[in-house]
Every structure is written in structure tokens, then in C-alpha cells.
Amino acid sequence: MNWVRVCSRQDLRDGEILSMDVEGRQLMLIAQNGKVYALDRICTHMDADLSMGFLAEGQVTCPLHLSAFRLEDGMALNPPAERPLRRYNVKIDGNDIYVQVV
């Protein structure tokens, strides 16, 4: 299991989506209510960039066709998306945020 440092805690404010590429994966980091989530940032329905989407309580909504995905587990909450986003483990060590890339 490979932990990759992706940013510092100051780089990600609560209620913000940070887009990044990590070891060939297109990811987004989201901070909400004191938690940090790492998910694939490309919608499973079409190739829309979810980091350009809308963040609401516990979910991110695709800017293209408005499918919503739950931050906790990446589950698609409404059509047209049916498949979940891949979620990645996150750890915070001091001021550094790491994502586990497998």
C-alpha cells in the first residue's frame, strides 16, 4: 500500500474541492465538516470533471448531468450515473495530507 503526500492542510479549506493527479489517477480532495475525502474526479456516467461540480452536505454533484455522489463511499445517488466513484483512504500526519494509492 502506497501512501502519497498530496498537499498540506493549509492547501485545502473546508467546503473546497482540490483537483489533482496522483500516480496517473485523476483525483479530487474534498474537505467538509472537518473530514477530508479523496475520490476519483471523473464522473462515472460521462467524462465530466467533478471538481468543477457542486458541493453540498455530504455529496458532490456533476456539473454536466447533475448526478450526485456521496463523499463517504462514492455511491451514485441518482441517475444518469449508476456506478460509484472510487474512494481512497486519507490520512493526515501533522500538516501533511496523504492519499493511499493501490
Protein backbone atom coordinates (compact mmCIF):
# COMPACT_ATOMS: atom_id res chain seq x y z
CA MET A 1 0.00 0.00 0.00
CA ASN A 2 1.47 3.26 -1.15
CA TRP A 3 0.76 6.49 0.76
CA VAL A 4 1.43 9.62 -1.31
CA ARG A 5 1.68 13.11 0.14
CA VAL A 6 -0.73 15.24 -1.90
CA CYS A 7 -0.79 18.60 -0.14
CA SER A 8 -0.56 20.40 3.16
CA ARG A 9 -3.58 21.02 5.36
CA GLN A 10 -3.48 24.76 4.56
CA ASP A 11 -3.94 23.98 0.84
CA LEU A 12 -7.44 22.60 1.44
CA ARG A 13 -10.11 24.70 3.12
CA ASP A 14 -13.38 23.35 4.45
CA GLY A 15 -16.03 23.33 1.72
CA GLU A 16 -13.43 23.25 -1.04
CA ILE A 17 -12.64 20.77 -3.84
CA LEU A 18 -9.00 20.42 -4.84
CA SER A 19 -8.26 18.76 -8.19
CA MET A 20 -5.04 16.75 -8.61
CA ASP A 21 -3.33 13.95 -10.49
CA VAL A 22 -1.72 11.31 -8.27
CA GLU A 23 0.28 8.48 -9.80
CA GLY A 24 -1.75 8.52 -13.01
CA ARG A 25 -5.13 8.86 -11.29
CA GLN A 26 -7.38 11.90 -11.64
CA LEU A 27 -8.46 12.65 -8.06
CA MET A 28 -10.25 15.30 -6.08
CA LEU A 29 -9.72 16.07 -2.42
CA ILE A 30 -12.69 17.49 -0.57
CA ALA A 31 -12.75 18.96 2.91
CA GLN A 32 -16.15 19.11 4.56
CA ASN A 33 -17.13 19.42 8.22
CA GLY A 34 -13.64 18.60 9.43
CA LYS A 35 -13.25 15.46 7.29
CA VAL A 36 -11.12 15.02 4.18
CA TYR A 37 -12.26 12.77 1.32
CA ALA A 38 -10.34 11.55 -1.75
CA LEU A 39 -12.31 10.27 -4.73
CA ASP A 40 -11.93 9.87 -8.48
CA ARG A 41 -12.84 13.18 -10.03
CA ILE A 42 -14.21 11.94 -13.35
CA CYS A 43 -17.95 11.20 -13.37
CA THR A 44 -18.78 7.53 -13.96
CA HIS A 45 -21.58 8.49 -16.36
CA MET A 46 -19.58 10.69 -18.75
CA ASP A 47 -16.16 12.28 -18.66
CA ALA A 48 -17.16 15.36 -16.70
CA ASP A 49 -14.72 16.75 -14.14
CA LEU A 50 -16.47 16.60 -10.77
CA SER A 51 -14.05 19.09 -9.23
CA MET A 52 -15.98 21.67 -11.29
CA GLY A 53 -19.24 20.41 -9.75
CA PHE A 54 -21.35 21.49 -6.82
CA LEU A 55 -20.55 20.59 -3.25
CA ALA A 56 -23.44 20.10 -0.83
CA GLU A 57 -23.80 18.42 2.55
CA GLY A 58 -22.09 15.04 2.15
CA GLN A 59 -22.15 14.94 -1.64
CA VAL A 60 -20.72 16.32 -4.87
CA THR A 61 -22.91 16.88 -7.93
CA CYS A 62 -21.70 16.56 -11.51
CA PRO A 63 -21.81 19.84 -13.45
CA LEU A 64 -22.83 18.08 -16.67
CA HIS A 65 -25.89 15.90 -15.93
CA LEU A 66 -26.39 16.56 -12.19
CA SER A 67 -25.68 13.05 -10.87
CA ALA A 68 -24.73 13.27 -7.20
CA PHE A 69 -22.14 11.11 -5.42
CA ARG A 70 -21.86 10.53 -1.67
CA LEU A 71 -18.49 11.64 -0.28
CA GLU A 72 -18.34 8.94 2.38
CA ASP A 73 -18.29 5.99 -0.04
CA GLY A 74 -18.54 7.37 -3.59
CA MET A 75 -22.00 5.87 -4.22
CA ALA A 76 -24.03 7.34 -7.10
CA LEU A 77 -27.19 8.79 -5.57
CA ASN A 78 -29.23 9.47 -8.72
CA PRO A 79 -29.25 8.83 -12.47
CA PRO A 80 -27.87 9.09 -15.00
CA ALA A 81 -24.78 7.84 -13.12
CA GLU A 82 -25.15 4.29 -11.84
CA ARG A 83 -21.62 3.29 -10.87
CA PRO A 84 -19.87 4.64 -7.78
CA LEU A 85 -16.70 6.70 -7.73
CA ARG A 86 -13.60 5.03 -6.39
CA ARG A 87 -12.76 6.30 -2.91
CA TYR A 88 -9.23 6.43 -1.49
CA ASN A 89 -8.08 6.30 2.12
CA VAL A 90 -6.80 9.59 3.51
CA LYS A 91 -4.54 10.25 6.47
CA ILE A 92 -3.39 13.49 8.00
CA ASP A 93 0.04 13.46 9.58
CA GLY A 94 0.81 16.77 11.22
CA ASN A 95 0.29 19.33 8.48
CA ASP A 96 0.51 16.86 5.58
CA ILE A 97 -2.37 15.09 3.80
CA TYR A 98 -1.68 11.67 2.29
CA VAL A 99 -3.77 9.51 -0.04
CA GLN A 100 -3.37 5.74 -0.19
CA VAL A 101 -2.93 4.71 -3.82
CA VAL A 102 -3.28 0.99 -4.54
